[in-house]
Amino acid sequence: MSANWLEVRYAELNRDDWNRETHRYQERHRSQLVSGDGLWGPVFGVPGEKELQVLGAVENKDVLELGCGGGQWTLRLARQGARCTGQDISDAQIEYARDFVAQAEIKPPGQALFQQGNAEDLSAWPDESFDIVFSNFGAVGFVDIEKCFKEVGRVLRKGGLFAFSWLSPFFDCLADEGDNQLEIVRSYFDRQPMVAESVWPDGSHTYYVQFHHTLGDWQQAIKTAGLLVVDIIELEPQRSDWRESTWTNVPWYKVSMVPGTTIWRAKKPSIPLSQLFNT
């Protein structure tokens, strides 16, 4: 697969792959996804949203979730009084989310709505539509982050929060199989898209594409979107709380030495960054 071909088709490939993957993913991880802890990544033994308060109080706030999957986080926030909309590139995930939420009770002012779409394109919403935009180990790893973050900056209200989690770029450089998963197998500066193949019982194949960025890349994309980083959170798992990760092949020694997930919090200032810093 050529880089040019990937640049054109990665969204289409990811949509097709997740449409096939949805049922298996939801069946495999349902118990973790509906956990009351509100985990910010697939590694257990770390605090969840209840303790971290990455999003803070959401009651009476307009919230957009990018890469909402089966709607578990969207529902969690709606039950806390948020007017929450979930977007996902997968039609099957959106269908699952709508069915999942239809079986739940949500008291006003909370609401949970869903829309299929690419996180690079938030044109369904006008400027300054949301108080919070977030992505929990979802969309941001599969898109052009400059395009996505610019759209986030546009739809956020002044003072609004953008929060997301994704693979630590250091973790991303390590072996994901074998006896030594602390071995560096990929350059930290290798920004080539990573392509993985899914093989299905009928013999068919789909592919998904995700992107690797350095810490500086993430920071620059946030800044270019007119947002200001206020927190970078790297969680250290605790052995006493450790249990099997949703990454079933990830050993304790690996996650105890290298952060698996990085959480970013950024705000949209009331005045443009160019005026704030005279740049």
Protein backbone atom coordinates (compact mmCIF):
# COMPACT_ATOMS: atom_id res chain seq x y z
CA MET A 1 0.00 0.00 0.00
CA SER A 2 1.48 3.32 -1.05
CA ALA A 3 1.47 6.39 1.19
CA ASN A 4 -0.51 8.34 -1.43
CA TRP A 5 -3.14 5.62 -1.58
CA LEU A 6 -3.46 5.65 2.21
CA GLU A 7 -3.84 9.42 2.26
CA VAL A 8 -6.90 9.07 0.05
CA ARG A 9 -8.51 5.96 1.50
CA TYR A 10 -7.69 5.67 5.22
CA ALA A 11 -11.11 6.95 6.34
CA GLU A 12 -12.89 4.53 4.02
CA LEU A 13 -10.72 1.62 5.19
CA ASN A 14 -11.30 2.41 8.86
CA ARG A 15 -15.04 2.73 8.32
CA ASP A 16 -15.22 -0.65 6.58
CA ASP A 17 -13.06 -2.37 9.19
CA TRP A 18 -15.01 -1.02 12.15
CA ASN A 19 -18.31 -1.93 10.53
CA ARG A 20 -17.08 -5.53 10.47
CA GLU A 21 -15.44 -5.34 13.91
CA THR A 22 -18.30 -3.78 15.89
CA HIS A 23 -20.16 -6.90 17.01
CA ARG A 24 -17.01 -8.77 18.01
CA TYR A 25 -15.58 -5.73 19.80
CA GLN A 26 -18.74 -5.01 21.78
CA GLU A 27 -19.17 -8.67 22.75
CA ARG A 28 -15.56 -8.95 23.87
CA HIS A 29 -15.33 -5.71 25.85
CA ARG A 30 -18.90 -4.99 26.98
CA SER A 31 -18.19 -5.42 30.69
CA GLN A 32 -15.22 -3.04 30.59
CA LEU A 33 -16.98 -0.47 28.42
CA VAL A 34 -19.95 -0.13 30.78
CA SER A 35 -17.74 0.02 33.88
CA GLY A 36 -18.69 2.77 36.28
CA ASP A 37 -15.03 3.80 36.53
CA GLY A 38 -15.02 5.58 33.16
CA LEU A 39 -11.57 4.39 32.12
CA TRP A 40 -9.55 6.60 29.74
CA GLY A 41 -7.79 3.74 27.99
CA PRO A 42 -7.53 -0.03 27.65
CA VAL A 43 -5.05 -0.59 30.52
CA PHE A 44 -6.64 -1.39 33.87
CA GLY A 45 -5.21 -0.67 37.29
CA VAL A 46 -5.36 3.10 36.76
CA PRO A 47 -7.87 5.67 38.03
CA GLY A 48 -10.96 6.41 35.95
CA GLU A 49 -12.94 9.57 35.29
CA LYS A 50 -14.63 9.37 38.67
CA GLU A 51 -11.28 10.09 40.32
CA LEU A 52 -9.45 12.01 37.59
CA GLN A 53 -12.26 14.43 36.65
CA VAL A 54 -10.76 15.05 33.22
CA LEU A 55 -14.09 16.41 31.98
CA GLY A 56 -15.29 17.76 35.30
CA ALA A 57 -18.94 18.56 35.94
CA VAL A 58 -21.02 18.08 32.78
CA GLU A 59 -24.57 18.86 33.92
CA ASN A 60 -26.34 21.28 31.57
CA LYS A 61 -23.35 21.30 29.21
CA ASP A 62 -23.32 20.54 25.49
CA VAL A 63 -20.86 17.72 24.88
CA LEU A 64 -19.55 16.10 21.69
CA GLU A 65 -17.80 12.72 21.78
CA LEU A 66 -15.61 11.81 18.81
CA GLY A 67 -15.26 8.08 18.18
CA CYS A 68 -18.15 7.25 20.50
CA GLY A 69 -18.24 3.55 19.62
CA GLY A 70 -21.22 1.86 21.22
CA GLY A 71 -22.28 4.96 23.14
CA GLN A 72 -21.23 3.87 26.62
CA TRP A 73 -19.48 7.13 27.51
CA THR A 74 -22.17 9.22 25.83
CA LEU A 75 -24.80 7.53 27.99
CA ARG A 76 -22.68 7.90 31.13
CA LEU A 77 -22.45 11.66 30.63
CA ALA A 78 -26.11 12.01 29.64
CA ARG A 79 -27.07 10.40 32.93
CA GLN A 80 -25.03 13.12 34.63
CA GLY A 81 -27.18 15.76 32.93
CA ALA A 82 -25.13 16.49 29.79
CA ARG A 83 -26.69 17.12 26.40
CA CYS A 84 -24.35 14.71 24.68
CA THR A 85 -23.87 13.85 21.02
CA GLY A 86 -21.72 10.93 19.92
CA GLN A 87 -20.09 10.74 16.50
CA ASP A 88 -18.39 7.67 15.06
CA ILE A 89 -17.09 6.76 11.61
CA SER A 90 -18.68 3.30 11.86
CA ASP A 91 -22.32 2.96 10.83
CA ALA A 92 -22.50 -0.28 12.83
CA GLN A 93 -21.21 1.36 16.01
CA ILE A 94 -23.77 4.15 15.67
CA GLU A 95 -26.55 1.60 15.20
CA TYR A 96 -25.34 -0.27 18.28
CA ALA A 97 -25.15 2.98 20.28
CA ARG A 98 -28.71 3.97 19.39
CA ASP A 99 -30.04 0.55 20.39
CA PHE A 100 -27.97 0.59 23.60
CA VAL A 101 -29.21 4.01 24.70
CA ALA A 102 -32.82 3.24 23.74
CA GLN A 103 -32.86 0.68 26.55
CA ALA A 104 -31.57 3.15 29.15
CA GLU A 105 -33.27 5.77 31.28
CA ILE A 106 -31.99 9.34 30.92
CA LYS A 107 -33.49 12.09 33.03
CA PRO A 108 -33.69 15.71 31.76
CA PRO A 109 -31.71 17.76 31.01
CA GLY A 110 -29.55 14.85 29.88
CA GLN A 111 -29.79 13.53 26.35
CA ALA A 112 -27.80 11.18 24.12
CA LEU A 113 -27.85 11.55 20.34
CA PHE A 114 -25.69 9.85 17.71
CA GLN A 115 -24.46 10.66 14.23
CA GLN A 116 -22.21 8.81 11.81
CA GLY A 117 -19.31 10.89 10.58
CA ASN A 118 -15.59 11.48 10.24
CA ALA A 119 -13.93 13.39 13.09
CA GLU A 120 -12.14 15.53 10.49
CA ASP A 121 -15.51 16.92 9.40
CA LEU A 122 -17.76 18.46 12.05
CA SER A 123 -19.72 20.56 9.55
CA ALA A 124 -22.97 19.17 10.96
CA TRP A 125 -22.52 21.68 13.79
CA PRO A 126 -22.11 25.46 13.62
CA ASP A 127 -19.31 27.41 15.27
CA GLU A 128 -19.20 27.39 19.08
CA SER A 129 -21.78 24.62 19.55
CA PHE A 130 -20.17 22.74 22.45
CA ASP A 131 -18.79 23.31 25.93
CA ILE A 132 -16.80 20.06 25.80
CA VAL A 133 -15.41 17.95 22.97
CA PHE A 134 -13.68 14.72 23.91
CA SER A 135 -12.38 11.45 22.52
CA ASN A 136 -11.61 8.47 24.71
CA PHE A 137 -9.03 6.29 22.97
CA GLY A 138 -10.97 6.61 19.74
CA ALA A 139 -11.10 8.84 16.72
CA VAL A 140 -7.94 10.90 17.22
CA GLY A 141 -5.64 7.98 16.45
CA PHE A 142 -7.21 7.31 13.06
CA VAL A 143 -7.44 10.78 11.50
CA ASP A 144 -5.40 13.75 10.32
CA ILE A 145 -5.08 15.48 13.68
CA GLU A 146 -4.55 18.95 12.21
CA LYS A 147 -7.86 18.74 10.31
CA CYS A 148 -9.65 17.20 13.27
CA PHE A 149 -8.34 19.62 15.88
CA LYS A 150 -9.11 22.68 13.74
CA GLU A 151 -12.70 21.48 13.55
CA VAL A 152 -12.71 20.92 17.31
CA GLY A 153 -11.45 24.46 17.85
CA ARG A 154 -14.20 25.77 15.61
CA VAL A 155 -17.12 24.01 17.32
CA LEU A 156 -15.88 24.68 20.88
CA ARG A 157 -17.21 27.69 22.73
CA LYS A 158 -14.78 30.13 24.30
CA GLY A 159 -13.57 28.66 27.56
CA GLY A 160 -14.55 25.21 26.32
CA LEU A 161 -12.59 22.02 26.98
CA PHE A 162 -11.05 19.57 24.53
CA ALA A 163 -9.93 16.32 26.16
CA PHE A 164 -8.66 13.16 24.53
CA SER A 165 -6.66 10.04 25.23
CA TRP A 166 -4.52 7.94 22.94
CA LEU A 167 -1.49 5.67 22.94
CA SER A 168 1.59 7.12 24.54
CA PRO A 169 3.98 7.78 21.63
CA PHE A 170 6.67 5.97 23.64
CA PHE A 171 4.51 2.87 24.10
CA ASP A 172 3.79 3.00 20.38
CA CYS A 173 7.48 2.35 19.62
CA LEU A 174 7.70 -0.93 21.52
CA ALA A 175 7.17 -4.52 20.40
CA ASP A 176 3.58 -5.69 20.79
CA GLU A 177 4.39 -9.40 20.84
CA GLY A 178 7.17 -11.74 21.90
CA ASP A 179 9.10 -12.25 25.11
CA ASN A 180 10.61 -8.75 25.26
CA GLN A 181 7.91 -6.14 24.77
CA LEU A 182 10.26 -3.40 25.98
CA GLU A 183 12.28 -3.76 22.79
CA ILE A 184 12.15 -0.65 20.59
CA VAL A 185 10.97 -1.75 17.15
CA ARG A 186 9.86 1.57 15.67
CA SER A 187 11.52 4.97 15.56
CA TYR A 188 9.83 7.60 17.69
CA PHE A 189 10.10 9.88 14.64
CA ASP A 190 8.59 7.41 12.16
CA ARG A 191 5.34 9.04 11.11
CA GLN A 192 4.39 6.58 8.39
CA PRO A 193 0.80 5.35 8.80
CA MET A 194 0.52 1.94 10.43
CA VAL A 195 -1.69 -0.55 8.58
CA ALA A 196 -3.14 -3.67 10.19
CA GLU A 197 -5.10 -6.45 8.52
CA SER A 198 -8.25 -8.08 9.89
CA VAL A 199 -9.05 -11.57 8.58
CA TRP A 200 -12.67 -12.71 8.88
CA PRO A 201 -14.19 -16.21 9.16
CA ASP A 202 -15.43 -16.08 5.57
CA GLY A 203 -11.87 -15.54 4.36
CA SER A 204 -12.33 -11.86 3.54
CA HIS A 205 -9.92 -9.15 4.62
CA THR A 206 -10.28 -5.57 5.82
CA TYR A 207 -7.61 -3.09 6.86
CA TYR A 208 -7.42 -0.27 9.36
CA VAL A 209 -4.98 2.61 9.47
CA GLN A 210 -3.73 4.49 12.50
CA PHE A 211 -1.17 7.24 12.86
CA HIS A 212 1.85 7.78 15.08
CA HIS A 213 2.71 11.26 16.36
CA THR A 214 5.37 12.59 18.70
CA LEU A 215 4.42 14.62 21.76
CA GLY A 216 5.50 17.70 19.82
CA ASP A 217 3.17 16.80 16.94
CA TRP A 218 0.20 16.58 19.28
CA GLN A 219 1.09 19.88 20.95
CA GLN A 220 1.56 21.65 17.61
CA ALA A 221 -1.79 20.43 16.27
CA ILE A 222 -3.53 21.64 19.43
CA LYS A 223 -1.83 25.03 19.19
CA THR A 224 -2.63 25.40 15.48
CA ALA A 225 -6.28 24.81 16.33
CA GLY A 226 -6.19 27.84 18.65
CA LEU A 227 -6.27 25.78 21.83
CA LEU A 228 -4.06 25.91 24.91
CA VAL A 229 -2.81 22.76 26.65
CA VAL A 230 -3.61 22.83 30.35
CA ASP A 231 -2.82 19.21 31.36
CA ILE A 232 -0.94 16.17 30.10
CA ILE A 233 -1.71 13.12 32.21
CA GLU A 234 0.29 9.87 32.17
CA LEU A 235 -1.13 7.22 34.46
CA GLU A 236 0.94 4.64 36.33
CA PRO A 237 -0.94 1.37 36.89
CA GLN A 238 -0.96 -0.03 40.42
CA ARG A 239 -0.15 -3.71 40.87
CA SER A 240 -2.78 -4.11 43.57
CA ASP A 241 -5.49 -2.97 41.14
CA TRP A 242 -4.12 -4.68 38.04
CA ARG A 243 -6.33 -7.03 36.08
CA GLU A 244 -6.30 -8.23 32.51
CA SER A 245 -6.18 -5.41 30.00
CA THR A 246 -8.45 -5.20 26.99
CA TRP A 247 -5.10 -5.62 25.25
CA THR A 248 -4.92 -9.27 26.25
CA ASN A 249 -1.33 -9.67 25.07
CA VAL A 250 0.10 -6.77 27.10
CA PRO A 251 2.11 -7.95 30.13
CA TRP A 252 2.31 -6.20 33.49
CA TYR A 253 6.05 -5.52 33.22
CA LYS A 254 5.42 -3.43 30.11
CA VAL A 255 2.64 -1.15 31.36
CA SER A 256 4.37 -0.77 34.74
CA MET A 257 7.46 0.73 33.05
CA VAL A 258 6.05 2.71 30.11
CA PRO A 259 2.75 4.65 30.10
CA GLY A 260 0.23 3.02 27.80
CA THR A 261 -2.04 6.04 27.54
CA THR A 262 -1.59 9.80 27.41
CA ILE A 263 -4.51 12.08 28.31
CA TRP A 264 -4.52 15.66 27.03
CA ARG A 265 -6.67 18.57 28.25
CA ALA A 266 -6.79 21.82 26.30
CA LYS A 267 -8.93 24.93 26.58
CA LYS A 268 -10.19 27.42 24.02
CA PRO A 269 -9.15 30.81 25.42
CA SER A 270 -11.51 33.76 25.39
CA ILE A 271 -9.09 35.64 23.14
CA PRO A 272 -7.05 34.15 20.24
CA LEU A 273 -3.67 32.65 21.08
CA SER A 274 -1.99 35.09 18.69
CA GLN A 275 -3.19 37.98 20.85
CA LEU A 276 -2.63 36.15 24.12
CA PHE A 277 1.06 35.55 23.39
CA ASN A 278 1.67 38.30 20.81
CA THR A 279 2.68 35.76 18.17
